[in-house]
Amino acid sequence: MKRRGYDRTQRVADLLQKALAQILLEDMSDQRFRLVTITSVSVSRDLSYAKVFVSVLMDDQAKIKDTIIALNRAAKSLRYSLAREVKLRIMPELKFVYDESTAHGFRLSMLIDSAVKKSEE
């Protein structure tokens, strides 16, 4: 038997991920947010906090850090926009975190590709 709490938090997380992606793409004026991909959302059991994992389509670590800082500064307005899109009794506070797994996977893939090319030569 599944625990109901997990299912609900997962459904809310998926809903927030889709709505946030839409808002970042269409409603925000900051051009840096167009390069942001929301990889996952983790919501606390009481739905008061949401950790939003993002990847940024650029290699410059300083610019990535600036983008994450800008996202966290915009968190209140994003939360307000989310509240208009998603009908929840409690809208979670948003905290944006850089998801290194996507970038790490991309680097590994490039290393593997270069190793395969060298072995073919």
Protein backbone atom coordinates (compact mmCIF):
# COMPACT_ATOMS: atom_id res chain seq x y z
CA MET A 1 0.00 0.00 0.00
CA LYS A 2 1.35 3.42 -0.98
CA ARG A 3 1.47 6.29 1.47
CA ARG A 4 -0.87 9.04 0.35
CA GLY A 5 1.41 11.88 1.50
CA TYR A 6 4.15 10.94 -0.93
CA ASP A 7 1.78 10.78 -3.87
CA ARG A 8 0.34 14.21 -3.14
CA THR A 9 3.72 15.91 -2.67
CA GLN A 10 4.93 14.33 -5.91
CA ARG A 11 1.84 15.49 -7.80
CA VAL A 12 2.25 19.03 -6.41
CA ALA A 13 5.96 18.98 -7.32
CA ASP A 14 5.17 17.95 -10.91
CA LEU A 15 2.47 20.61 -11.17
CA LEU A 16 4.81 23.31 -9.85
CA GLN A 17 7.58 22.22 -12.23
CA LYS A 18 5.35 22.56 -15.30
CA ALA A 19 3.82 25.88 -14.21
CA LEU A 20 7.20 27.39 -13.25
CA ALA A 21 8.75 26.39 -16.56
CA GLN A 22 5.89 28.12 -18.38
CA ILE A 23 6.15 31.28 -16.24
CA LEU A 24 9.95 31.52 -16.67
CA LEU A 25 9.61 31.15 -20.42
CA GLU A 26 6.67 33.50 -21.04
CA ASP A 27 6.18 35.97 -18.19
CA MET A 28 9.59 36.95 -16.83
CA SER A 29 11.46 39.87 -18.38
CA ASP A 30 14.97 38.74 -17.34
CA GLN A 31 16.57 37.18 -20.45
CA ARG A 32 18.82 34.92 -18.34
CA PHE A 33 15.74 32.96 -17.26
CA ARG A 34 15.23 31.82 -20.86
CA LEU A 35 18.38 29.68 -20.48
CA VAL A 36 17.06 27.94 -17.35
CA THR A 37 15.66 24.42 -17.36
CA ILE A 38 13.83 23.13 -14.31
CA THR A 39 15.14 19.60 -13.80
CA SER A 40 13.03 18.72 -10.76
CA VAL A 41 11.09 20.10 -7.81
CA SER A 42 11.14 18.71 -4.29
CA VAL A 43 8.26 19.75 -2.02
CA SER A 44 8.24 19.37 1.77
CA ARG A 45 5.57 17.09 3.26
CA ASP A 46 3.60 20.05 4.64
CA LEU A 47 3.84 21.80 1.23
CA SER A 48 5.33 24.95 2.75
CA TYR A 49 8.70 24.76 0.99
CA ALA A 50 9.74 23.78 -2.52
CA LYS A 51 13.33 23.28 -3.62
CA VAL A 52 13.56 23.90 -7.36
CA PHE A 53 16.52 22.25 -9.07
CA VAL A 54 17.59 24.04 -12.24
CA SER A 55 20.24 23.68 -14.91
CA VAL A 56 21.50 26.62 -16.93
CA LEU A 57 22.48 26.35 -20.59
CA MET A 58 25.92 27.97 -20.32
CA ASP A 59 29.42 27.01 -19.21
CA ASP A 60 30.50 30.17 -17.35
CA GLN A 61 30.27 29.36 -13.62
CA ALA A 62 30.07 33.05 -12.63
CA LYS A 63 27.09 33.63 -14.93
CA ILE A 64 25.41 30.47 -13.65
CA LYS A 65 25.84 31.69 -10.07
CA ASP A 66 24.42 35.12 -11.02
CA THR A 67 21.41 33.44 -12.66
CA ILE A 68 20.70 31.36 -9.54
CA ILE A 69 20.97 34.48 -7.36
CA ALA A 70 18.59 36.33 -9.71
CA LEU A 71 16.12 33.43 -9.56
CA ASN A 72 16.16 33.46 -5.76
CA ARG A 73 15.63 37.24 -5.77
CA ALA A 74 12.65 36.77 -8.10
CA ALA A 75 11.27 33.90 -5.98
CA LYS A 76 8.54 36.02 -4.36
CA SER A 77 7.17 37.31 -7.66
CA LEU A 78 7.44 33.80 -9.14
CA ARG A 79 5.51 32.46 -6.15
CA TYR A 80 2.82 35.10 -6.71
CA SER A 81 2.57 34.17 -10.40
CA LEU A 82 2.41 30.51 -9.47
CA ALA A 83 -0.43 31.18 -7.05
CA ARG A 84 -2.46 32.64 -9.92
CA GLU A 85 -1.73 29.62 -12.17
CA VAL A 86 -1.97 26.75 -9.68
CA LYS A 87 -4.81 26.57 -7.20
CA LEU A 88 -3.35 25.40 -3.91
CA ARG A 89 -4.38 26.36 -0.38
CA ILE A 90 -0.71 26.84 0.54
CA MET A 91 1.76 28.02 -2.10
CA PRO A 92 5.24 26.78 -1.11
CA GLU A 93 8.16 29.15 -0.63
CA LEU A 94 10.58 28.67 -3.51
CA LYS A 95 14.32 28.07 -3.19
CA PHE A 96 16.32 27.67 -6.41
CA VAL A 97 19.33 25.35 -6.42
CA TYR A 98 21.75 24.64 -9.25
CA ASP A 99 21.49 21.01 -10.38
CA GLU A 100 25.01 19.94 -11.27
CA SER A 101 24.00 16.45 -12.38
CA THR A 102 22.91 17.61 -15.85
CA ALA A 103 26.13 19.54 -16.49
CA HIS A 104 28.17 16.67 -15.06
CA GLY A 105 26.40 14.18 -17.32
CA PHE A 106 26.99 16.41 -20.34
CA ARG A 107 30.73 16.67 -19.55
CA LEU A 108 30.96 12.89 -19.11
CA SER A 109 29.20 12.36 -22.41
CA MET A 110 31.66 14.70 -24.16
CA LEU A 111 34.62 12.86 -22.57
CA ILE A 112 33.25 9.51 -23.70
CA ASP A 113 32.69 10.83 -27.24
CA SER A 114 36.24 12.18 -27.45
CA ALA A 115 37.65 8.88 -26.12
CA VAL A 116 35.68 6.93 -28.74
CA LYS A 117 36.95 9.23 -31.52
CA LYS A 118 40.55 8.76 -30.37
CA SER A 119 40.20 4.98 -30.26
CA GLU A 120 38.75 4.94 -33.79
CA GLU A 121 41.70 6.92 -35.19
